[in-house]
N, C-alpha and C. Protein backbone atom coordinates (compact mmCIF):
# COMPACT_ATOMS: atom_id res chain seq x y z
N MET A 1 38.21 20.02 -76.00
CA MET A 1 38.10 19.38 -74.71
C MET A 1 38.73 18.00 -74.83
N GLU A 2 39.66 17.70 -73.96
CA GLU A 2 40.33 16.42 -73.99
C GLU A 2 40.12 15.70 -72.67
N ILE A 3 39.77 14.43 -72.74
CA ILE A 3 39.59 13.62 -71.54
C ILE A 3 40.45 12.37 -71.69
N THR A 4 41.27 12.10 -70.70
CA THR A 4 42.11 10.91 -70.72
C THR A 4 41.76 10.05 -69.51
N LEU A 5 41.42 8.80 -69.77
CA LEU A 5 41.07 7.87 -68.70
C LEU A 5 42.05 6.71 -68.72
N ASN A 6 42.52 6.34 -67.55
CA ASN A 6 43.50 5.26 -67.47
C ASN A 6 42.93 3.97 -66.90
N LYS A 7 41.68 4.00 -66.46
CA LYS A 7 41.07 2.77 -65.98
C LYS A 7 39.58 2.82 -66.24
N GLU A 8 38.98 1.67 -66.22
CA GLU A 8 37.56 1.56 -66.51
C GLU A 8 36.76 1.74 -65.23
N PHE A 9 35.69 2.52 -65.32
CA PHE A 9 34.81 2.72 -64.18
C PHE A 9 33.45 3.18 -64.69
N GLU A 10 32.46 3.09 -63.82
CA GLU A 10 31.13 3.54 -64.20
C GLU A 10 30.80 4.81 -63.42
N VAL A 11 30.18 5.73 -64.13
CA VAL A 11 29.76 6.97 -63.50
C VAL A 11 28.49 7.43 -64.20
N SER A 12 27.60 8.03 -63.47
CA SER A 12 26.34 8.47 -64.08
C SER A 12 26.55 9.78 -64.83
N ALA A 13 25.69 10.02 -65.78
CA ALA A 13 25.75 11.27 -66.54
C ALA A 13 25.57 12.45 -65.59
N ARG A 14 24.73 12.30 -64.60
CA ARG A 14 24.49 13.37 -63.62
C ARG A 14 25.78 13.71 -62.87
N GLU A 15 26.54 12.69 -62.49
CA GLU A 15 27.82 12.92 -61.80
C GLU A 15 28.82 13.63 -62.69
N VAL A 16 28.91 13.21 -63.93
CA VAL A 16 29.84 13.84 -64.88
C VAL A 16 29.48 15.30 -65.09
N LEU A 17 28.20 15.56 -65.35
CA LEU A 17 27.77 16.92 -65.64
C LEU A 17 27.89 17.84 -64.42
N ALA A 18 27.85 17.27 -63.23
CA ALA A 18 28.02 18.09 -62.03
C ALA A 18 29.44 18.64 -61.93
N LYS A 19 30.39 17.99 -62.58
CA LYS A 19 31.80 18.39 -62.51
C LYS A 19 32.26 19.22 -63.70
N ILE A 20 31.51 19.20 -64.80
CA ILE A 20 31.93 19.88 -66.03
C ILE A 20 31.59 21.36 -65.97
N LYS A 21 32.52 22.18 -66.40
CA LYS A 21 32.27 23.62 -66.46
C LYS A 21 31.24 23.91 -67.54
N ASP A 22 30.52 25.00 -67.37
CA ASP A 22 29.44 25.36 -68.30
C ASP A 22 29.91 25.42 -69.74
N TYR A 23 31.08 25.99 -69.99
CA TYR A 23 31.60 26.11 -71.35
C TYR A 23 31.74 24.74 -72.01
N TYR A 24 32.27 23.77 -71.27
CA TYR A 24 32.47 22.44 -71.83
C TYR A 24 31.13 21.73 -72.04
N MET A 25 30.18 21.98 -71.16
CA MET A 25 28.86 21.37 -71.32
C MET A 25 28.21 21.89 -72.60
N ALA A 26 28.31 23.18 -72.86
CA ALA A 26 27.75 23.76 -74.09
C ALA A 26 28.47 23.18 -75.31
N ALA A 27 29.78 23.03 -75.23
CA ALA A 27 30.55 22.47 -76.34
C ALA A 27 30.13 21.02 -76.60
N PHE A 28 29.89 20.27 -75.54
CA PHE A 28 29.46 18.88 -75.67
C PHE A 28 28.12 18.80 -76.41
N VAL A 29 27.18 19.65 -76.04
CA VAL A 29 25.88 19.65 -76.70
C VAL A 29 26.02 20.02 -78.17
N GLU A 30 26.88 21.00 -78.48
CA GLU A 30 27.10 21.40 -79.86
C GLU A 30 27.70 20.26 -80.68
N ILE A 31 28.67 19.55 -80.10
CA ILE A 31 29.30 18.42 -80.78
C ILE A 31 28.27 17.31 -81.02
N LEU A 32 27.41 17.07 -80.05
CA LEU A 32 26.36 16.07 -80.20
C LEU A 32 25.43 16.44 -81.34
N ALA A 33 25.05 17.72 -81.42
CA ALA A 33 24.17 18.18 -82.50
C ALA A 33 24.84 18.00 -83.85
N GLU A 34 26.12 18.33 -83.94
CA GLU A 34 26.84 18.18 -85.20
C GLU A 34 26.97 16.71 -85.60
N ARG A 35 27.18 15.86 -84.61
CA ARG A 35 27.36 14.43 -84.88
C ARG A 35 26.14 13.82 -85.57
N TYR A 36 24.96 14.25 -85.16
CA TYR A 36 23.73 13.67 -85.69
C TYR A 36 23.03 14.58 -86.70
N ASP A 37 23.71 15.60 -87.18
CA ASP A 37 23.10 16.54 -88.11
C ASP A 37 22.57 15.87 -89.37
N LYS A 38 23.31 14.97 -89.95
CA LYS A 38 22.90 14.31 -91.20
C LYS A 38 22.30 12.92 -90.98
N ASP A 39 22.32 12.44 -89.74
CA ASP A 39 21.77 11.12 -89.41
C ASP A 39 20.34 11.32 -88.91
N PHE A 40 19.42 11.53 -89.84
CA PHE A 40 18.06 11.93 -89.49
C PHE A 40 17.33 10.91 -88.62
N LYS A 41 17.51 9.63 -88.92
CA LYS A 41 16.80 8.60 -88.16
C LYS A 41 17.26 8.59 -86.70
N THR A 42 18.57 8.56 -86.48
CA THR A 42 19.08 8.54 -85.11
C THR A 42 18.74 9.84 -84.39
N ARG A 43 18.84 10.96 -85.11
CA ARG A 43 18.53 12.26 -84.50
C ARG A 43 17.08 12.29 -84.04
N ALA A 44 16.17 11.77 -84.85
CA ALA A 44 14.74 11.73 -84.47
C ALA A 44 14.53 10.82 -83.26
N GLN A 45 15.24 9.69 -83.21
CA GLN A 45 15.12 8.78 -82.07
C GLN A 45 15.64 9.43 -80.79
N LEU A 46 16.79 10.11 -80.90
CA LEU A 46 17.34 10.80 -79.74
C LEU A 46 16.42 11.91 -79.26
N ALA A 47 15.86 12.66 -80.19
CA ALA A 47 14.95 13.75 -79.85
C ALA A 47 13.71 13.19 -79.13
N SER A 48 13.21 12.06 -79.60
CA SER A 48 12.05 11.45 -78.98
C SER A 48 12.36 11.00 -77.55
N LYS A 49 13.51 10.35 -77.37
CA LYS A 49 13.91 9.91 -76.02
C LYS A 49 14.09 11.11 -75.10
N PHE A 50 14.71 12.16 -75.62
CA PHE A 50 14.92 13.38 -74.84
C PHE A 50 13.57 13.97 -74.43
N ALA A 51 12.64 14.06 -75.38
CA ALA A 51 11.32 14.64 -75.10
C ALA A 51 10.55 13.80 -74.08
N ASP A 52 10.70 12.48 -74.15
CA ASP A 52 9.99 11.60 -73.21
C ASP A 52 10.44 11.83 -71.77
N GLY A 53 11.71 12.17 -71.58
CA GLY A 53 12.23 12.29 -70.22
C GLY A 53 12.46 13.71 -69.75
N ILE A 54 12.11 14.70 -70.57
CA ILE A 54 12.44 16.07 -70.21
C ILE A 54 11.55 16.58 -69.06
N SER A 55 12.16 17.32 -68.17
CA SER A 55 11.43 17.93 -67.06
C SER A 55 10.96 19.31 -67.48
N GLU A 56 10.17 19.94 -66.63
CA GLU A 56 9.74 21.30 -66.91
C GLU A 56 10.94 22.24 -66.99
N GLN A 57 11.92 22.04 -66.09
CA GLN A 57 13.13 22.87 -66.11
C GLN A 57 13.91 22.65 -67.40
N GLY A 58 13.98 21.41 -67.86
CA GLY A 58 14.67 21.10 -69.11
C GLY A 58 14.00 21.74 -70.29
N ALA A 59 12.67 21.73 -70.30
CA ALA A 59 11.92 22.35 -71.39
C ALA A 59 12.14 23.86 -71.41
N ARG A 60 12.18 24.48 -70.22
CA ARG A 60 12.42 25.93 -70.16
C ARG A 60 13.82 26.26 -70.65
N PHE A 61 14.80 25.43 -70.28
CA PHE A 61 16.17 25.65 -70.75
C PHE A 61 16.24 25.53 -72.26
N LEU A 62 15.61 24.52 -72.81
CA LEU A 62 15.60 24.34 -74.26
C LEU A 62 14.93 25.53 -74.95
N ALA A 63 13.86 26.04 -74.38
CA ALA A 63 13.19 27.22 -74.93
C ALA A 63 14.13 28.42 -74.91
N ASP A 64 14.93 28.58 -73.85
CA ASP A 64 15.91 29.66 -73.78
C ASP A 64 16.96 29.53 -74.87
N VAL A 65 17.42 28.31 -75.11
CA VAL A 65 18.42 28.07 -76.16
C VAL A 65 17.86 28.48 -77.51
N VAL A 66 16.65 28.04 -77.81
CA VAL A 66 16.03 28.36 -79.09
C VAL A 66 15.81 29.87 -79.21
N ALA A 67 15.34 30.51 -78.14
CA ALA A 67 15.09 31.95 -78.17
C ALA A 67 16.38 32.72 -78.44
N HIS A 68 17.48 32.33 -77.81
CA HIS A 68 18.77 33.00 -78.03
C HIS A 68 19.24 32.79 -79.47
N HIS A 69 19.04 31.61 -79.99
CA HIS A 69 19.45 31.32 -81.37
C HIS A 69 18.65 32.17 -82.35
N VAL A 70 17.35 32.24 -82.17
CA VAL A 70 16.49 33.03 -83.07
C VAL A 70 16.83 34.51 -82.95
N ALA A 71 17.05 34.99 -81.73
CA ALA A 71 17.37 36.42 -81.53
C ALA A 71 18.68 36.79 -82.21
N ARG A 72 19.64 35.91 -82.24
CA ARG A 72 20.93 36.18 -82.90
C ARG A 72 20.78 36.27 -84.40
N ARG A 73 19.83 35.57 -84.97
CA ARG A 73 19.68 35.50 -86.43
C ARG A 73 18.85 36.64 -87.01
N LYS A 74 18.20 37.43 -86.15
CA LYS A 74 17.38 38.55 -86.66
C LYS A 74 18.28 39.64 -87.23
N PRO A 75 17.88 40.24 -88.38
CA PRO A 75 18.69 41.29 -88.99
C PRO A 75 18.71 42.57 -88.18
């Protein structure tokens, strides 16, 4: 995924995510996970912030992600 910006502007995460295709959103989350894989302190802080602000819908989505991951790993 390549993004090129030619000027500075502010935009909310909600606005950006409203425009991103599902495939790119999933790739973004995967890249974020890889970025903090070995940075345990920052990963724990991010997880805590995420948990503090997560909605019921967000928690259900996260549960779906984990369920799909576990189901793929079964022999």
